[in-house]
Structures are given as structure tokens and as C-alpha cells.
Protein backbone atom coordinates (compact mmCIF):
# COMPACT_ATOMS: atom_id res chain seq x y z
CA MET A 1 43.61 6.53 33.12
CA PHE A 2 44.00 3.35 31.22
CA THR A 3 47.57 2.88 29.47
CA SER A 4 47.92 1.69 25.71
CA SER A 5 50.21 -1.48 26.75
CA THR A 6 48.13 -4.42 28.10
CA MET A 7 48.26 -8.02 29.62
CA SER A 8 47.19 -10.84 27.09
CA ARG A 9 45.52 -12.83 29.97
CA GLN A 10 42.04 -13.30 31.68
CA PHE A 11 41.46 -11.73 35.20
CA THR A 12 42.58 -14.17 38.02
CA ARG A 13 40.45 -12.12 40.93
CA LEU A 14 38.22 -9.70 39.70
CA ILE A 15 37.62 -6.74 42.12
CA ARG A 16 35.38 -3.85 42.20
CA PHE A 17 36.96 -1.19 44.32
CA LEU A 18 37.25 2.91 45.15
CA GLY A 19 40.89 3.57 44.21
CA THR A 20 43.28 6.03 45.83
CA ASP A 21 42.31 8.46 43.42
CA SER A 22 38.28 8.54 44.74
CA LYS A 23 37.32 6.77 41.56
CA VAL A 24 35.66 3.14 41.31
CA TYR A 25 37.19 0.68 38.94
CA PHE A 26 37.33 -2.86 37.76
CA GLY A 27 40.63 -4.83 38.49
CA ASP A 28 42.45 -7.78 38.89
CA ALA A 29 43.65 -7.84 42.39
CA ILE A 30 47.40 -8.33 42.98
CA LEU A 31 48.62 -10.33 45.89
CA PRO A 32 51.97 -11.49 47.00
CA SER A 33 53.01 -15.30 46.15
CA GLY A 34 50.89 -17.68 48.36
CA VAL A 35 48.42 -15.22 49.24
CA LYS A 36 44.90 -15.95 48.00
CA ASP A 37 42.66 -13.33 49.73
CA ALA A 38 41.96 -10.24 47.59
CA ARG A 39 40.54 -8.72 50.98
CA LEU A 40 44.34 -8.37 51.79
CA ALA A 41 44.97 -6.54 48.08
CA THR A 42 46.41 -3.01 48.11
CA GLU A 43 46.82 -2.67 44.29
CA ALA A 44 44.98 -3.99 41.35
CA TYR A 45 45.60 -3.89 37.58
CA LEU A 46 43.04 -1.74 35.74
CA ILE A 47 40.50 -3.96 33.55
CA GLY A 48 39.06 -1.91 30.85
CA GLY A 49 35.79 -3.00 28.76
CA ASP A 50 32.96 -5.18 29.75
CA ILE A 51 33.50 -7.66 32.33
CA PHE A 52 30.99 -10.08 30.75
CA GLY A 53 32.34 -9.60 27.12
CA SER A 54 35.55 -8.17 25.53
CA TYR A 55 37.74 -6.89 28.23
CA THR A 56 41.48 -6.02 28.92
CA VAL A 57 43.58 -6.78 32.02
CA THR A 58 46.30 -3.20 31.31
CA ASP A 59 49.03 -2.99 33.15
CA THR A 60 47.93 0.14 34.92
CA LYS A 61 48.32 -0.28 38.77
CA VAL A 62 46.07 1.90 40.89
CA GLY A 63 46.12 1.65 44.79
CA ILE A 64 42.82 0.31 46.69
CA SER A 65 41.22 2.49 49.12
CA LYS A 66 38.23 0.54 49.71
CA LEU A 67 36.97 -2.87 48.31
CA LEU A 68 33.35 -2.83 47.15
CA SER A 69 31.00 -5.52 46.22
CA PRO A 70 32.36 -6.89 43.02
CA LEU A 71 29.10 -6.44 41.32
CA ASN A 72 25.62 -4.47 42.31
CA ASP A 73 22.56 -3.28 41.18
CA ALA A 74 24.18 -1.71 38.03
CA HIS A 75 25.33 -5.16 36.77
CA THR A 76 23.19 -7.73 38.59
CA ARG A 77 19.27 -8.11 37.80
CA THR A 78 18.50 -11.64 39.87
CA VAL A 79 20.18 -12.96 43.22
CA ARG A 80 19.05 -16.56 43.37
CA PHE A 81 19.74 -18.61 46.17
CA VAL A 82 19.41 -22.57 46.95
CA GLY A 83 17.54 -23.52 50.28
CA MET A 84 18.25 -26.54 52.34
CA ASN A 85 21.41 -27.73 50.03
CA TYR A 86 23.49 -29.42 52.49
CA GLY A 87 22.64 -32.94 54.14
CA LYS A 88 24.10 -32.10 57.52
CA HIS A 89 22.20 -28.82 57.57
CA ALA A 90 19.07 -30.38 56.69
CA ASP A 91 19.66 -32.97 59.22
CA GLU A 92 20.47 -30.48 62.28
CA LEU A 93 16.98 -28.78 61.55
CA GLY A 94 15.15 -31.84 61.39
CA LEU A 95 14.30 -31.25 57.84
CA PRO A 96 14.07 -33.85 54.95
CA ARG A 97 16.54 -33.21 52.19
CA PRO A 98 14.71 -31.79 48.99
CA GLN A 99 14.24 -33.74 45.49
CA TYR A 100 14.77 -30.33 43.92
CA PRO A 101 16.66 -27.32 44.46
CA VAL A 102 14.78 -25.03 46.39
CA LEU A 103 14.59 -21.56 44.94
CA PHE A 104 14.15 -18.14 46.47
CA PHE A 105 15.57 -14.70 45.73
CA LYS A 106 16.55 -11.43 47.59
CA PRO A 107 16.40 -8.08 45.72
CA VAL A 108 19.59 -6.58 44.18
CA THR A 109 19.65 -3.96 47.28
CA ALA A 110 20.61 -6.82 49.51
CA LEU A 111 24.22 -6.97 48.00
CA ASN A 112 26.76 -5.68 50.34
CA GLY A 113 30.29 -5.47 50.09
CA PRO A 114 32.98 -7.70 51.83
CA THR A 115 33.75 -5.13 54.70
CA GLU A 116 30.98 -3.03 54.90
CA ASP A 117 28.67 -3.23 57.87
CA VAL A 118 25.50 -5.09 57.91
CA ILE A 119 22.72 -2.79 59.07
CA VAL A 120 19.84 -4.95 61.34
CA PRO A 121 16.91 -2.70 60.50
CA ARG A 122 14.33 -2.55 63.26
CA ILE A 123 11.48 -4.75 61.66
CA ALA A 124 14.37 -7.47 62.04
CA GLN A 125 14.93 -6.68 65.62
CA ALA A 126 11.36 -7.79 66.33
CA THR A 127 12.56 -10.67 67.81
CA ASP A 128 16.00 -12.17 68.67
CA ALA A 129 16.69 -14.54 65.59
CA THR A 130 19.35 -12.79 63.22
CA ASP A 131 21.33 -15.65 61.64
CA TYR A 132 24.62 -16.37 59.65
CA GLU A 133 24.89 -18.30 56.45
CA CYS A 134 28.11 -19.05 54.73
CA GLU A 135 27.88 -19.87 51.20
CA LEU A 136 29.80 -20.52 47.71
CA VAL A 137 28.45 -17.74 45.11
CA VAL A 138 28.24 -18.66 41.54
CA VAL A 139 28.46 -15.92 39.21
CA ILE A 140 27.04 -16.09 35.71
CA GLY A 141 29.12 -14.79 32.91
CA LYS A 142 26.95 -15.33 29.71
CA ARG A 143 23.18 -15.53 29.00
CA CYS A 144 21.92 -18.97 29.21
CA ARG A 145 18.34 -21.06 29.15
CA ASP A 146 17.51 -24.83 29.21
CA VAL A 147 21.46 -25.45 29.39
CA ASN A 148 22.11 -29.23 30.47
CA LYS A 149 24.42 -30.25 33.20
CA LYS A 150 27.40 -31.12 31.35
CA GLU A 151 27.89 -27.73 29.85
CA ALA A 152 26.12 -25.87 33.07
CA LEU A 153 29.79 -24.62 34.10
CA ASP A 154 30.79 -23.29 30.73
CA TYR A 155 28.40 -20.23 31.59
CA VAL A 156 30.13 -19.40 34.84
CA LEU A 157 32.41 -16.29 35.14
CA GLY A 158 33.57 -17.28 38.61
CA TYR A 159 33.00 -17.86 42.17
CA SER A 160 32.90 -15.97 45.21
CA CYS A 161 31.87 -16.03 49.07
CA GLY A 162 28.78 -14.88 50.37
CA ASN A 163 26.47 -14.63 53.68
CA ASP A 164 22.89 -15.24 53.22
CA LEU A 165 21.79 -13.47 56.74
CA SER A 166 18.46 -14.30 57.93
CA GLN A 167 16.05 -13.28 60.39
CA ARG A 168 14.27 -16.56 61.39
CA THR A 169 11.19 -15.47 62.55
CA TRP A 170 9.91 -13.73 59.57
CA GLN A 171 11.53 -16.41 57.22
CA THR A 172 9.70 -19.22 59.09
CA GLU A 173 7.05 -18.24 61.27
CA ARG A 174 5.81 -15.01 59.77
CA GLY A 175 6.51 -15.57 55.97
CA GLY A 176 3.42 -17.73 54.90
CA GLY A 177 5.82 -20.21 53.47
CA GLN A 178 8.17 -18.11 51.77
CA PHE A 179 11.47 -17.35 53.17
CA SER A 180 12.02 -13.89 51.50
CA LEU A 181 10.21 -11.87 54.10
CA GLY A 182 13.16 -12.78 56.65
CA LYS A 183 16.10 -12.28 54.07
CA MET A 184 14.88 -9.24 52.06
CA TYR A 185 16.59 -6.46 54.06
CA ASP A 186 18.94 -3.73 52.75
CA GLY A 187 22.81 -5.39 52.83
CA TRP A 188 21.75 -8.66 53.99
CA ALA A 189 23.54 -10.34 51.12
CA PRO A 190 27.47 -9.38 51.44
CA PHE A 191 29.77 -10.95 48.79
CA GLY A 192 33.32 -10.98 47.39
CA PRO A 193 35.98 -10.05 48.09
CA ALA A 194 36.39 -10.91 44.41
CA ILE A 195 35.05 -12.78 41.37
CA VAL A 196 37.74 -15.57 41.32
CA SER A 197 38.33 -17.18 38.01
CA PRO A 198 36.94 -21.08 37.82
CA LYS A 199 40.53 -22.09 37.06
CA LEU A 200 41.83 -20.41 40.25
CA ALA A 201 38.95 -21.43 42.41
CA GLY A 202 39.38 -25.23 41.67
CA ASN A 203 36.51 -27.78 41.91
CA PRO A 204 33.24 -25.94 43.12
CA ASP A 205 31.81 -29.08 44.52
CA ASN A 206 34.94 -29.63 46.62
CA LEU A 207 35.95 -26.33 48.69
CA LYS A 208 36.07 -25.81 52.39
CA LEU A 209 34.08 -23.17 53.92
CA SER A 210 33.56 -21.72 57.42
CA THR A 211 32.02 -19.00 59.46
CA LYS A 212 33.56 -16.95 62.58
CA VAL A 213 31.80 -14.91 64.80
CA ASN A 214 34.08 -12.73 66.82
CA GLY A 215 36.71 -15.03 66.01
CA GLU A 216 34.90 -18.53 67.00
CA ILE A 217 34.10 -20.72 64.30
CA VAL A 218 30.16 -21.82 64.23
CA GLN A 219 30.48 -23.07 60.61
CA ASP A 220 33.24 -25.57 59.28
CA ALA A 221 32.15 -27.80 56.55
CA ASP A 222 32.93 -28.28 52.50
CA THR A 223 31.06 -28.60 49.40
CA THR A 224 31.11 -32.23 49.01
CA ASP A 225 28.04 -32.26 51.41
CA MET A 226 25.96 -30.09 48.76
CA ILE A 227 22.77 -32.25 47.90
CA HIS A 228 22.63 -30.64 44.92
CA LYS A 229 26.03 -29.85 42.87
CA VAL A 230 26.65 -26.38 41.31
CA ALA A 231 26.37 -27.80 37.63
CA ASP A 232 23.15 -29.46 38.94
CA VAL A 233 21.77 -25.92 40.19
CA VAL A 234 22.78 -24.01 37.35
CA SER A 235 21.19 -26.19 34.97
CA PHE A 236 18.13 -26.53 37.03
CA TYR A 237 17.32 -22.84 37.55
CA SER A 238 17.85 -22.24 33.64
CA GLN A 239 15.27 -24.30 32.76
CA GLY A 240 12.63 -22.10 31.36
CA SER A 241 14.10 -19.22 33.15
CA THR A 242 16.92 -17.33 31.44
CA LEU A 243 20.23 -16.58 33.44
CA MET A 244 21.81 -13.42 32.56
CA PRO A 245 25.42 -12.43 32.74
CA GLY A 246 25.89 -10.94 36.43
CA ASP A 247 23.12 -12.99 38.31
CA LEU A 248 24.18 -14.30 41.15
CA ILE A 249 23.58 -17.87 42.70
CA PHE A 250 24.27 -18.32 46.51
CA THR A 251 24.50 -22.14 46.58
CA GLY A 252 23.56 -23.08 50.27
CA THR A 253 24.72 -23.29 53.55
CA PRO A 254 26.41 -26.00 55.48
CA PHE A 255 25.35 -27.24 59.14
CA GLY A 256 26.04 -25.05 62.30
CA VAL A 257 23.61 -22.05 61.77
CA ALA A 258 22.33 -20.40 64.81
CA ALA A 259 18.67 -21.68 64.30
CA GLY A 260 20.27 -25.14 64.56
CA ARG A 261 22.29 -24.88 67.75
CA ASN A 262 20.74 -25.13 71.54
CA PRO A 263 20.93 -22.50 72.75
CA HIS A 264 20.76 -20.43 69.62
CA ASN A 265 23.66 -18.31 68.93
CA TRP A 266 21.58 -15.27 67.61
CA LEU A 267 23.84 -12.69 65.97
CA LYS A 268 24.04 -9.20 68.42
CA ASP A 269 24.82 -5.55 67.88
CA GLY A 270 28.48 -5.50 67.37
CA ASP A 271 29.41 -8.95 66.46
CA VAL A 272 31.72 -9.38 63.71
CA VAL A 273 31.26 -12.14 60.98
CA GLU A 274 33.55 -13.65 59.01
CA ILE A 275 33.12 -16.05 56.10
CA GLU A 276 35.80 -17.91 54.25
CA VAL A 277 35.70 -20.33 51.02
CA GLU A 278 38.86 -21.86 50.37
CA ASN A 279 40.76 -20.33 47.40
CA LEU A 280 38.13 -17.58 47.37
CA GLY A 281 38.93 -15.27 50.03
CA THR A 282 37.47 -13.76 52.84
CA LEU A 283 34.37 -11.33 54.05
CA LYS A 284 34.33 -9.58 57.36
CA ASN A 285 31.24 -7.59 58.14
CA LYS A 286 30.12 -6.07 61.47
CA ILE A 287 26.63 -6.17 62.62
CA VAL A 288 25.07 -3.10 63.33
CA PHE A 289 21.50 -2.95 64.86
CA GLU A 290 19.81 0.04 63.83
CA LYS A 291 18.64 2.63 66.25
CA GLY A 292 15.34 3.54 67.44
CA GLU A 293 11.96 1.64 68.95
CA LYS A 294 11.94 -1.67 67.86
CA PRO A 295 8.12 -2.30 66.20
CA LYS A 296 5.66 -4.42 67.97
CA LEU A 297 4.88 -7.05 65.14
């Protein structure tokens, strides 16, 4: 229950969580001084109202039983991605740097929480080619269309961490030139642990980001290597196409993916993938292969 007293401020780290009372809430993560990772929060101030409109950060504290994805299919209509958006990533794959942001989509059913298992379905086990991709995620806060670059970030609610998991065989060899067949699977877009306010996030074009697999660093870069900067991407994707509150944009991955390594370090059953973006927190997801006979495709 919400109390009548409120705190007159905007959220800092917006989370969606299962409370210790078994109810689902939006809240502002409570963290000790110096801690920036909402995945470590044990309590939150409840948020009432519309997080995309008029809301209130109350002074009511609720214990956190489990963090959920900050948004799900009830809040997000479209999940957009930018392909090949880091210079060194394009170089490691021997591909040209694109003149325009490369757009592809995942269904909202791909969204997953910051600590949930990622299930690799049997179809994705047809070949050994499951890959990780750490990404900065942009969360749209206001409806917009045809926005210019100077105003683009005014429409951003906040930023988060993401993992654009990919099955490279279906993506590159069997997709008919389209990426989505290797990326569409349920739960293959973990993001979170929070939506961090732009003020706390800092400059999105100058953030460190990394991936660990079973504790070993496999990606270690920063967003200064982005070919198309965040404002450029938001502006470009809004041209003739309306961005809605709750829409997500995963802004691309840096070098170090398994596809660019020799030998490839494809993800295996039981691997633990940790994604970290500076100021935004961490994801920690276990890879679990679906049981049963693999399809012969």
C-alpha cells in the first residue's frame, strides 16, 4: 500500500520487482553510498502513477524478493536494435562500417530479466553458434517522430544494460539476409537491472561496457567506439516511424564476440554471462539448453 507522504523527486534507478509480499511493483532502488548496481538492491521506494507520465516516488519501502525486467510486453511495443555499430566490431568481422544505422527487431517476448536463465531452444542448438553481445539500451520515455539530433535525447527516459543473444548460423547463413531468425527466441534480450536516469547515467557516448563468461572477460570496450552515436540513432529511427513510450533501442555491441574469435568461444549449457555497463549496473544470466532431441535442420 502507498502512504500519503511522498518524495518530491524523479526516480534514479527505476526497477520492476517482486516484493517480499509477492506483489509486483515499480520502485526506485535503494542503494548504499557508492554502490551503482541495482542488482544488489534489497529494498526500493515504491513508485505510483504512470512511469511515462505523472508518477510519484513515495517514501514507502518494500523489500525486494526478485528483480524483473524493468519493462515487459505490457509496457514495450517495439524492441529495436542497431547492427554493426562499433568500429572495432566491424573490423573484427571484416565488414564495412555502415553509413546508416542498421535496423533489426526482436519480439517483445525476447525480453528477459537481469538474473533469469536464458533458455536456448532446440532449434538454436541445430549448430553450435550461440553468442553474447553486451549493449547499452536506450529507453524511450515520450512519443516522438521526425526528431532532430539536438532534441533526440529529450525523449529518452533512461538507460539500461542489455544482452543481444544471437545464434550466428541462423542469423548469417540461414536467415535470407535478415538477422532476426537468429535472434528472435524467447528471453534472448535480457535487460536491466534498472532504467537509470539520464542524469545518473552520464554521457551515453562515453561509457565503459564489458562481458564476462564464467568470470572471464571476453568484451571490454566503451561507447566512444560507436559509429552512430545515441542521439543519431534515436533521431534516425524516428524518421517517418513513431517511437513510443517504453520502446527500447539496443545500440550495438563492441568487439570481442565469439563470432570474431578464433577459435569461437560459443556459449555452452551452464555458462554464466555477466554484462556490465558503467553507471548502469550488471546482468547475470545462466545459459540453459532446452532438453530434447535437436532438430535436423
